[in-house]
Amino acid sequence: MKDKNLFINELIELFPSLEEELLDEDDSDSITFQMGSFKRFMQEVIDENDLNKFNSMVDFLTKNLPLVDKRIQNAIYISFLGKLEFSKNPSLRKLLGVSLGKAYSDIENYNNSHPS
């Protein structure tokens, strides 16, 4: 099992521009806040149609989701994946792959059936 620190450090290795935000003193203890920061970064990637960064994220999460504990998985699903918006580049949603694509659809279906 990968712990949160190893997961975050590997994410920073992949996306060095996230280091300051992910290791911010106020957010570094909360995987939920860290995934929120990652979501904001990745939303820009989606909006700008940056296929290289998008595909790197998909590969990273697909590889790591089975290796992290449930708390990290939940943060990835709820605070990251469930908050992404593909309206500017809907074709990228198809590139999520099988497991992330299914999770995204499941979250979207749940959110649509339980309006806030």
C-alpha atoms as a PDB file:
ATOM      1  CA  MET A   1       0.000   0.000   0.000  1.00  0.00           C
ATOM      2  CA  LYS A   2       1.225   3.481  -0.863  1.00  0.00           C
ATOM      3  CA  ASP A   3       0.806   6.036   1.864  1.00  0.00           C
ATOM      4  CA  LYS A   4      -0.393   9.574   1.241  1.00  0.00           C
ATOM      5  CA  ASN A   5       3.100  11.091   1.313  1.00  0.00           C
ATOM      6  CA  LEU A   6       4.461   8.705  -1.308  1.00  0.00           C
ATOM      7  CA  PHE A   7       1.384   9.223  -3.501  1.00  0.00           C
ATOM      8  CA  ILE A   8       1.671  13.039  -3.267  1.00  0.00           C
ATOM      9  CA  ASN A   9       5.433  12.981  -3.864  1.00  0.00           C
ATOM     10  CA  GLU A  10       4.964  10.887  -7.002  1.00  0.00           C
ATOM     11  CA  LEU A  11       2.233  13.262  -8.167  1.00  0.00           C
ATOM     12  CA  ILE A  12       4.636  16.186  -7.675  1.00  0.00           C
ATOM     13  CA  GLU A  13       7.346  14.319  -9.624  1.00  0.00           C
ATOM     14  CA  LEU A  14       4.879  14.032 -12.497  1.00  0.00           C
ATOM     15  CA  PHE A  15       3.587  17.620 -12.215  1.00  0.00           C
ATOM     16  CA  PRO A  16       6.350  19.704 -10.516  1.00  0.00           C
ATOM     17  CA  SER A  17       4.334  22.926 -10.771  1.00  0.00           C
ATOM     18  CA  LEU A  18       1.972  21.497  -8.114  1.00  0.00           C
ATOM     19  CA  GLU A  19       4.660  21.196  -5.447  1.00  0.00           C
ATOM     20  CA  GLU A  20       4.048  24.484  -3.661  1.00  0.00           C
ATOM     21  CA  GLU A  21       0.290  24.043  -3.546  1.00  0.00           C
ATOM     22  CA  LEU A  22       0.285  20.347  -2.597  1.00  0.00           C
ATOM     23  CA  LEU A  23       2.878  20.836   0.128  1.00  0.00           C
ATOM     24  CA  ASP A  24       1.312  24.050   1.468  1.00  0.00           C
ATOM     25  CA  GLU A  25       1.435  23.985   5.254  1.00  0.00           C
ATOM     26  CA  ASP A  26      -2.320  24.536   5.564  1.00  0.00           C
ATOM     27  CA  ASP A  27      -3.294  21.811   3.088  1.00  0.00           C
ATOM     28  CA  SER A  28      -0.558  19.189   3.380  1.00  0.00           C
ATOM     29  CA  ASP A  29      -2.340  17.231   6.118  1.00  0.00           C
ATOM     30  CA  SER A  30      -5.533  16.851   4.101  1.00  0.00           C
ATOM     31  CA  ILE A  31      -5.653  14.599   1.065  1.00  0.00           C
ATOM     32  CA  THR A  32      -9.067  16.139   0.311  1.00  0.00           C
ATOM     33  CA  PHE A  33      -7.569  19.639   0.012  1.00  0.00           C
ATOM     34  CA  GLN A  34      -4.637  18.282  -1.987  1.00  0.00           C
ATOM     35  CA  MET A  35      -6.979  16.580  -4.449  1.00  0.00           C
ATOM     36  CA  GLY A  36      -8.922  19.855  -4.699  1.00  0.00           C
ATOM     37  CA  SER A  37      -5.684  21.581  -5.731  1.00  0.00           C
ATOM     38  CA  PHE A  38      -4.965  18.818  -8.229  1.00  0.00           C
ATOM     39  CA  LYS A  39      -8.503  19.228  -9.602  1.00  0.00           C
ATOM     40  CA  ARG A  40      -7.990  22.952 -10.228  1.00  0.00           C
ATOM     41  CA  PHE A  41      -4.722  22.218 -12.026  1.00  0.00           C
ATOM     42  CA  MET A  42      -6.236  19.435 -14.111  1.00  0.00           C
ATOM     43  CA  GLN A  43      -9.308  21.534 -14.957  1.00  0.00           C
ATOM     44  CA  GLU A  44      -6.980  24.019 -16.649  1.00  0.00           C
ATOM     45  CA  VAL A  45      -5.359  21.117 -18.501  1.00  0.00           C
ATOM     46  CA  ILE A  46      -8.803  19.988 -19.725  1.00  0.00           C
ATOM     47  CA  ASP A  47      -9.885  23.505 -20.673  1.00  0.00           C
ATOM     48  CA  GLU A  48      -6.625  24.043 -22.594  1.00  0.00           C
ATOM     49  CA  ASN A  49      -6.880  20.597 -24.235  1.00  0.00           C
ATOM     50  CA  ASP A  50      -3.374  19.600 -23.076  1.00  0.00           C
ATOM     51  CA  LEU A  51      -3.390  15.938 -24.101  1.00  0.00           C
ATOM     52  CA  ASN A  52       0.074  15.147 -22.735  1.00  0.00           C
ATOM     53  CA  LYS A  53      -0.730  16.271 -19.192  1.00  0.00           C
ATOM     54  CA  PHE A  54      -4.216  14.782 -19.342  1.00  0.00           C
ATOM     55  CA  ASN A  55      -2.911  11.382 -20.452  1.00  0.00           C
ATOM     56  CA  SER A  56      -0.188  11.520 -17.792  1.00  0.00           C
ATOM     57  CA  MET A  57      -2.873  12.091 -15.138  1.00  0.00           C
ATOM     58  CA  VAL A  58      -4.979   9.183 -16.431  1.00  0.00           C
ATOM     59  CA  ASP A  59      -1.965   6.852 -16.471  1.00  0.00           C
ATOM     60  CA  PHE A  60      -0.880   7.956 -12.988  1.00  0.00           C
ATOM     61  CA  LEU A  61      -4.306   7.511 -11.391  1.00  0.00           C
ATOM     62  CA  THR A  62      -5.058   4.247 -13.189  1.00  0.00           C
ATOM     63  CA  LYS A  63      -1.763   2.828 -11.945  1.00  0.00           C
ATOM     64  CA  ASN A  64      -2.056   4.196  -8.398  1.00  0.00           C
ATOM     65  CA  LEU A  65      -5.722   3.776  -7.458  1.00  0.00           C
ATOM     66  CA  PRO A  66      -5.314   0.065  -6.634  1.00  0.00           C
ATOM     67  CA  LEU A  67      -2.178   0.832  -4.583  1.00  0.00           C
ATOM     68  CA  VAL A  68      -3.571   3.444  -2.178  1.00  0.00           C
ATOM     69  CA  ASP A  69      -5.890   3.084   0.798  1.00  0.00           C
ATOM     70  CA  LYS A  70      -9.629   3.776   0.757  1.00  0.00           C
ATOM     71  CA  ARG A  71      -9.246   7.277   2.230  1.00  0.00           C
ATOM     72  CA  ILE A  72      -6.997   8.339  -0.664  1.00  0.00           C
ATOM     73  CA  GLN A  73      -9.231   6.561  -3.189  1.00  0.00           C
ATOM     74  CA  ASN A  74     -12.284   8.393  -1.862  1.00  0.00           C
ATOM     75  CA  ALA A  75     -10.500  11.753  -2.079  1.00  0.00           C
ATOM     76  CA  ILE A  76      -9.483  10.988  -5.666  1.00  0.00           C
ATOM     77  CA  TYR A  77     -13.023  10.015  -6.628  1.00  0.00           C
ATOM     78  CA  ILE A  78     -14.979  12.666  -4.742  1.00  0.00           C
ATOM     79  CA  SER A  79     -12.661  15.699  -4.443  1.00  0.00           C
ATOM     80  CA  PHE A  80     -10.936  15.252  -7.786  1.00  0.00           C
ATOM     81  CA  LEU A  81     -12.688  13.132 -10.381  1.00  0.00           C
ATOM     82  CA  GLY A  82     -16.224  14.037  -9.319  1.00  0.00           C
ATOM     83  CA  LYS A  83     -15.458  17.750  -9.645  1.00  0.00           C
ATOM     84  CA  LEU A  84     -13.947  17.737 -13.152  1.00  0.00           C
ATOM     85  CA  GLU A  85     -15.920  19.473 -15.898  1.00  0.00           C
ATOM     86  CA  PHE A  86     -15.533  18.402 -19.525  1.00  0.00           C
ATOM     87  CA  SER A  87     -17.880  20.881 -21.236  1.00  0.00           C
ATOM     88  CA  LYS A  88     -15.033  22.739 -23.010  1.00  0.00           C
ATOM     89  CA  ASN A  89     -13.449  19.524 -24.295  1.00  0.00           C
ATOM     90  CA  PRO A  90     -15.942  16.654 -24.083  1.00  0.00           C
ATOM     91  CA  SER A  91     -13.700  14.417 -26.185  1.00  0.00           C
ATOM     92  CA  LEU A  92     -11.215  14.220 -23.303  1.00  0.00           C
ATOM     93  CA  ARG A  93     -13.777  12.464 -21.156  1.00  0.00           C
ATOM     94  CA  LYS A  94     -13.520   9.473 -23.483  1.00  0.00           C
ATOM     95  CA  LEU A  95      -9.791   9.330 -22.732  1.00  0.00           C
ATOM     96  CA  LEU A  96     -10.361   8.611 -19.031  1.00  0.00           C
ATOM     97  CA  GLY A  97     -10.155   4.903 -19.800  1.00  0.00           C
ATOM     98  CA  VAL A  98     -12.355   2.143 -18.470  1.00  0.00           C
ATOM     99  CA  SER A  99     -11.936   2.415 -14.692  1.00  0.00           C
ATOM    100  CA  LEU A 100     -11.769   6.220 -14.378  1.00  0.00           C
ATOM    101  CA  GLY A 101     -14.478   6.641 -17.029  1.00  0.00           C
ATOM    102  CA  LYS A 102     -16.825   4.304 -15.170  1.00  0.00           C
ATOM    103  CA  ALA A 103     -16.105   6.035 -11.849  1.00  0.00           C
ATOM    104  CA  TYR A 104     -16.735   9.455 -13.430  1.00  0.00           C
ATOM    105  CA  SER A 105     -20.048   8.257 -14.901  1.00  0.00           C
ATOM    106  CA  ASP A 106     -21.097   6.660 -11.608  1.00  0.00           C
ATOM    107  CA  ILE A 107     -20.385   9.888  -9.697  1.00  0.00           C
ATOM    108  CA  GLU A 108     -22.161  11.971 -12.326  1.00  0.00           C
ATOM    109  CA  ASN A 109     -25.212   9.671 -12.246  1.00  0.00           C
ATOM    110  CA  TYR A 110     -25.292   9.810  -8.458  1.00  0.00           C
ATOM    111  CA  ASN A 111     -25.023  13.613  -8.434  1.00  0.00           C
ATOM    112  CA  ASN A 112     -27.794  13.908 -11.036  1.00  0.00           C
ATOM    113  CA  SER A 113     -30.099  11.651  -9.025  1.00  0.00           C
ATOM    114  CA  HIS A 114     -29.430  13.556  -5.780  1.00  0.00           C
ATOM    115  CA  PRO A 115     -29.680  17.277  -6.626  1.00  0.00           C
ATOM    116  CA  SER A 116     -28.220  19.579  -4.020  1.00  0.00           C
END
